[in-house]
Protein backbone atom coordinates (compact mmCIF):
# COMPACT_ATOMS: atom_id res chain seq x y z
CA MET A 1 34.98 -19.77 -42.60
CA GLU A 2 38.24 -20.18 -40.43
CA GLU A 3 38.04 -18.77 -36.81
CA VAL A 4 40.77 -15.85 -36.49
CA LEU A 5 42.20 -15.66 -32.85
CA SER A 6 43.00 -12.23 -31.58
CA GLN A 7 46.49 -11.33 -30.51
CA ALA A 8 45.67 -11.86 -26.61
CA GLU A 9 44.29 -15.18 -27.63
CA ILE A 10 47.54 -15.91 -29.51
CA ASP A 11 49.55 -14.51 -26.60
CA GLU A 12 47.81 -17.08 -24.52
CA LEU A 13 48.60 -20.39 -26.43
CA LEU A 14 52.29 -19.41 -26.39
CA LYS A 15 52.26 -19.14 -23.25
CA THR A 16 50.73 -22.31 -22.26
CA LEU A 17 53.13 -24.25 -24.67
CA THR A 18 55.95 -22.53 -23.36
CA SER A 19 54.70 -23.16 -19.76
CA GLY A 20 53.44 -26.98 -20.59
CA GLY A 21 50.21 -26.77 -18.80
CA PRO A 22 46.31 -26.67 -20.17
CA PRO A 23 45.20 -23.22 -21.25
CA LYS A 24 42.91 -21.33 -18.79
CA PRO A 25 39.55 -20.38 -19.66
CA MET A 26 39.33 -16.66 -20.32
CA ALA A 27 37.23 -14.94 -17.23
CA THR A 28 34.32 -13.52 -19.38
CA GLU A 29 31.09 -11.01 -17.88
CA THR A 30 28.70 -13.72 -18.22
CA THR A 31 31.17 -16.67 -16.04
CA LYS A 32 31.00 -14.21 -13.15
CA GLU A 33 29.17 -15.31 -9.72
CA ARG A 34 25.96 -13.04 -9.49
CA VAL A 35 24.99 -12.92 -5.88
CA ARG A 36 21.80 -11.17 -4.86
CA PRO A 37 20.27 -11.32 -1.55
CA TYR A 38 16.51 -12.53 -1.00
CA ASP A 39 14.26 -11.72 1.96
CA PHE A 40 11.53 -14.86 1.84
CA LYS A 41 9.76 -12.56 4.62
CA ARG A 42 9.18 -9.91 2.24
CA ALA A 43 8.53 -11.99 -1.09
CA LEU A 44 6.43 -9.74 -3.33
CA ARG A 45 2.74 -11.27 -3.90
CA PHE A 46 1.31 -8.17 -6.33
CA SER A 47 3.08 -7.75 -9.61
CA LYS A 48 3.69 -4.18 -10.94
CA GLU A 49 0.64 -4.24 -13.38
CA GLN A 50 -1.64 -5.25 -10.83
CA LEU A 51 -0.19 -2.52 -8.30
CA ARG A 52 -1.14 -0.30 -10.86
CA SER A 53 -4.91 -1.22 -11.22
CA LEU A 54 -5.12 -1.03 -7.52
CA ASN A 55 -3.37 2.38 -7.25
CA ARG A 56 -6.11 3.64 -9.61
CA LEU A 57 -8.42 2.43 -7.84
CA ASN A 58 -7.19 4.16 -4.59
CA GLU A 59 -6.53 7.01 -6.86
CA TYR A 60 -10.59 7.75 -7.25
CA PHE A 61 -10.84 6.39 -3.50
CA ALA A 62 -9.06 9.62 -2.49
CA ARG A 63 -11.17 11.79 -4.95
CA LEU A 64 -14.13 10.83 -3.20
CA LEU A 65 -12.54 11.01 0.58
CA SER A 66 -11.78 14.72 -0.61
CA THR A 67 -15.26 15.53 -1.11
CA ALA A 68 -16.49 13.44 1.59
CA PHE A 69 -14.14 14.96 4.15
CA SER A 70 -14.56 18.47 3.19
CA ALA A 71 -18.46 18.57 3.58
CA ALA A 72 -18.16 16.58 6.89
CA LEU A 73 -15.50 18.99 8.04
CA ARG A 74 -16.73 22.41 6.55
CA THR A 75 -13.25 23.22 5.65
CA TYR A 76 -11.04 22.57 2.62
CA VAL A 77 -9.75 18.77 2.97
CA HIS A 78 -7.14 17.53 -0.21
CA VAL A 79 -6.68 13.71 0.01
CA THR A 80 -4.17 12.19 -2.60
CA LEU A 81 -2.28 8.39 -2.79
CA ALA A 82 1.30 9.08 -1.89
CA ALA A 83 2.79 5.81 -1.99
CA ALA A 84 2.15 1.68 -1.83
CA ASP A 85 4.22 -1.22 -0.73
CA GLN A 86 4.58 -4.76 0.54
CA VAL A 87 5.87 -5.88 3.40
CA PRO A 88 4.64 -8.25 6.21
CA PHE A 89 1.79 -7.57 8.47
CA GLU A 90 4.44 -7.79 11.63
CA GLU A 91 6.36 -4.81 9.35
CA TYR A 92 3.61 -2.87 9.68
CA VAL A 93 2.14 -3.42 12.92
CA LEU A 94 6.11 -2.31 14.32
CA SER A 95 6.31 0.87 12.10
CA ALA A 96 3.09 2.18 13.46
CA PRO A 97 2.85 4.92 16.28
CA LYS A 98 2.48 2.98 19.50
CA PHE A 99 -1.07 5.42 19.59
CA THR A 100 -2.84 5.47 16.40
CA VAL A 101 -6.45 5.58 15.22
CA VAL A 102 -7.40 2.83 13.47
CA GLY A 103 -10.75 1.30 11.72
CA VAL A 104 -11.10 -2.16 11.20
CA PHE A 105 -13.41 -3.39 8.03
CA THR A 106 -14.83 -6.08 6.55
CA ALA A 107 -15.51 -6.22 2.82
CA SER A 108 -18.12 -9.23 2.29
CA PRO A 109 -17.60 -11.45 0.24
CA LEU A 110 -14.08 -11.63 0.72
CA LYS A 111 -12.70 -13.30 3.33
CA GLY A 112 -10.69 -11.06 6.24
CA ARG A 113 -10.73 -7.76 7.49
CA PHE A 114 -8.90 -4.53 6.28
CA LEU A 115 -7.55 -1.76 7.97
CA VAL A 116 -8.17 2.42 7.65
CA GLU A 117 -5.72 3.97 9.53
CA PHE A 118 -5.83 7.69 10.87
CA SER A 119 -2.82 9.16 12.22
CA PRO A 120 -2.77 10.91 15.56
CA THR A 121 -2.42 13.82 13.97
CA MET A 122 -5.32 13.71 11.15
CA ALA A 123 -7.46 12.14 13.91
CA PHE A 124 -7.79 14.84 16.47
CA GLY A 125 -7.33 17.69 13.91
CA MET A 126 -10.57 15.96 12.02
CA LEU A 127 -12.23 16.30 15.83
CA ASP A 128 -10.95 19.73 16.41
CA HIS A 129 -12.48 21.04 12.73
CA TYR A 130 -15.62 18.89 13.33
CA LEU A 131 -16.34 20.28 16.87
CA GLY A 132 -15.87 24.21 15.42
CA GLY A 133 -12.41 24.40 16.53
CA PRO A 134 -9.41 25.69 14.23
CA GLY A 135 -8.01 22.03 13.45
CA ILE A 136 -5.12 22.28 15.80
CA ALA A 137 -4.34 18.56 16.57
CA GLU A 138 -3.91 18.23 20.55
CA VAL A 139 -2.86 15.10 20.33
CA LYS A 140 -4.26 12.98 23.88
CA GLU A 141 -2.86 9.39 24.38
CA SER A 142 -4.84 9.04 27.32
CA GLY A 143 -7.75 7.88 25.29
CA LEU A 144 -10.90 8.78 23.33
CA THR A 145 -13.98 10.34 24.83
CA GLU A 146 -17.26 8.77 23.88
CA ILE A 147 -18.20 11.65 21.89
CA GLU A 148 -15.10 11.65 20.21
CA MET A 149 -15.18 8.02 19.19
CA ARG A 150 -18.89 8.50 17.79
CA ILE A 151 -17.52 11.44 15.61
CA LEU A 152 -14.70 8.94 14.39
CA GLU A 153 -17.28 6.25 13.76
CA MET A 154 -19.07 8.19 11.65
CA LEU A 155 -15.93 9.40 9.68
CA PHE A 156 -14.81 5.81 9.46
CA ARG A 157 -18.55 4.88 8.33
CA ARG A 158 -18.40 7.51 5.41
CA THR A 159 -14.53 6.06 4.71
CA GLY A 160 -15.95 2.57 4.03
CA GLU A 161 -18.75 4.15 2.02
CA ASN A 162 -16.39 5.73 -0.72
CA PHE A 163 -14.01 2.93 -0.35
CA ARG A 164 -17.23 0.58 -1.84
CA GLU A 165 -17.97 3.48 -4.44
CA ALA A 166 -14.10 3.19 -5.31
CA TRP A 167 -13.60 -0.43 -5.86
CA GLN A 168 -17.37 -1.22 -7.24
CA SER A 169 -15.56 -1.26 -11.05
CA LEU A 170 -13.78 -4.25 -9.42
CA ALA A 171 -16.38 -6.04 -7.03
CA ASP A 172 -19.87 -5.65 -5.38
CA LEU A 173 -18.54 -5.42 -1.80
CA ASP A 174 -20.39 -5.05 1.36
CA VAL A 175 -17.87 -2.68 3.43
CA GLN A 176 -18.66 -2.67 7.09
CA HIS A 177 -17.02 -0.85 9.95
CA GLU A 178 -16.57 -2.91 12.92
CA ALA A 179 -14.61 -1.15 15.15
CA ILE A 180 -11.51 1.41 16.11
CA GLU A 181 -8.63 0.28 17.58
CA THR A 182 -5.76 2.59 19.20
CA ASN A 183 -3.06 0.35 19.83
CA PRO A 184 -1.92 -1.51 16.86
CA GLN A 185 -0.36 -4.55 19.15
CA PHE A 186 -4.16 -5.44 19.32
CA LEU A 187 -4.45 -5.50 15.63
CA GLN A 188 -5.17 -9.39 14.33
CA ILE A 189 -6.38 -9.08 10.75
CA ALA A 190 -3.26 -11.34 9.53
CA SER A 191 -0.46 -13.66 10.35
CA PRO A 192 2.82 -11.91 11.54
CA ASN A 193 4.56 -13.19 7.84
CA ASP A 194 1.68 -12.71 5.98
CA ILE A 195 2.01 -9.77 2.89
CA VAL A 196 -0.32 -6.71 3.15
CA VAL A 197 0.05 -3.86 0.73
CA VAL A 198 0.23 -0.42 2.47
CA PHE A 199 -1.45 2.26 0.85
CA SER A 200 -0.27 5.63 2.11
CA PHE A 201 -2.67 9.06 1.28
CA GLN A 202 -1.49 12.31 2.07
CA VAL A 203 -4.25 14.48 3.83
CA LYS A 204 -4.21 17.69 3.37
CA ILE A 205 -7.01 19.63 6.11
CA GLY A 206 -6.75 23.57 5.93
CA GLU A 207 -2.85 24.31 6.26
CA THR A 208 -2.26 20.79 8.23
CA THR A 209 -0.91 17.71 6.04
CA THR A 210 -1.20 14.50 7.71
CA VAL A 211 -0.94 10.76 6.69
CA MET A 212 -3.93 7.90 6.19
CA ASN A 213 -2.78 4.30 5.54
CA VAL A 214 -5.33 1.34 4.01
CA VAL A 215 -3.77 -1.95 4.86
CA LEU A 216 -5.13 -4.72 2.70
CA PRO A 217 -3.85 -8.56 3.14
CA HIS A 218 -2.91 -10.21 0.09
CA PHE A 219 -5.04 -13.27 0.99
CA MET A 220 -8.08 -10.91 0.91
CA LEU A 221 -7.75 -9.79 -2.14
CA GLU A 222 -6.49 -12.96 -3.99
CA PRO A 223 -9.78 -13.95 -5.09
CA LEU A 224 -9.85 -10.41 -7.15
CA MET A 225 -6.33 -11.08 -8.70
CA PRO A 226 -7.61 -12.05 -12.02
CA LYS A 227 -9.35 -8.70 -12.41
CA LEU A 228 -6.31 -6.83 -11.68
CA SER A 229 -5.03 -7.34 -15.36
CA ALA A 230 -4.60 -3.77 -17.81
CA ARG A 231 -7.17 -5.51 -19.82
CA HIS A 232 -9.84 -6.14 -17.17
CA MET A 233 -9.50 -2.56 -15.74
CA LEU A 234 -9.52 -0.97 -19.23
CA GLU A 235 -13.05 -2.62 -20.02
CA GLY A 236 -14.75 -1.14 -16.95
CA PHE A 237 -13.30 2.16 -17.36
CA GLN A 238 -14.23 4.70 -19.87
CA GLU A 239 -11.70 6.83 -21.24
CA GLY A 240 -11.60 10.02 -18.94
CA ASP A 241 -14.05 8.89 -16.74
CA ASP A 242 -13.75 7.33 -13.02
CA PRO A 243 -14.19 3.94 -12.72
CA ARG A 244 -17.84 3.05 -11.84
């Protein structure tokens, strides 16, 4: 079949013949240059499917924490997963408050360490509730007393136990609480440019809403990456049940 020229193409050819020059290629959407900036420091290491699997584990973790914290503080505590973000470790450290309360954990057989950060409002609110107060958070940047440290260590240990239970469908982890740090500049669980995934939880204690973060380095979770597919996760879940 013969190709039929459009009126615009005919006009372009006539214009070329009268000017004596070669025809100019007609600009199309596909020939336009498309440039998008790319930040190699923020290269994403987890796929959307893998993040969805991690989110499902952490949603179960949040439900377990709601029960554990409510029992420990003898008041209503509701924990929900709010967001997940992949950032360089240095960016997380710079975004953290100058004074905060961070638990450092190991999870054998995985290599490395991960963090659980109680915001200052959350930490001191929990301390006040545990000691029989109304949960009014009076943040003291001067430091933690020995009694306050012991109470927070107990709460971090319970957090680690619930983390282990929530992740049991993915791996059998031995989660151990190592230390408490209040200055994020002293945290050294990864190199500045290493990618970490930060899971942010909204924590409602009585009438106060606060924030908790869980920070997991990519290299720590790398051995589990093949298990984070939707197919593998569904094999470990029964419809309508929590992962076990």
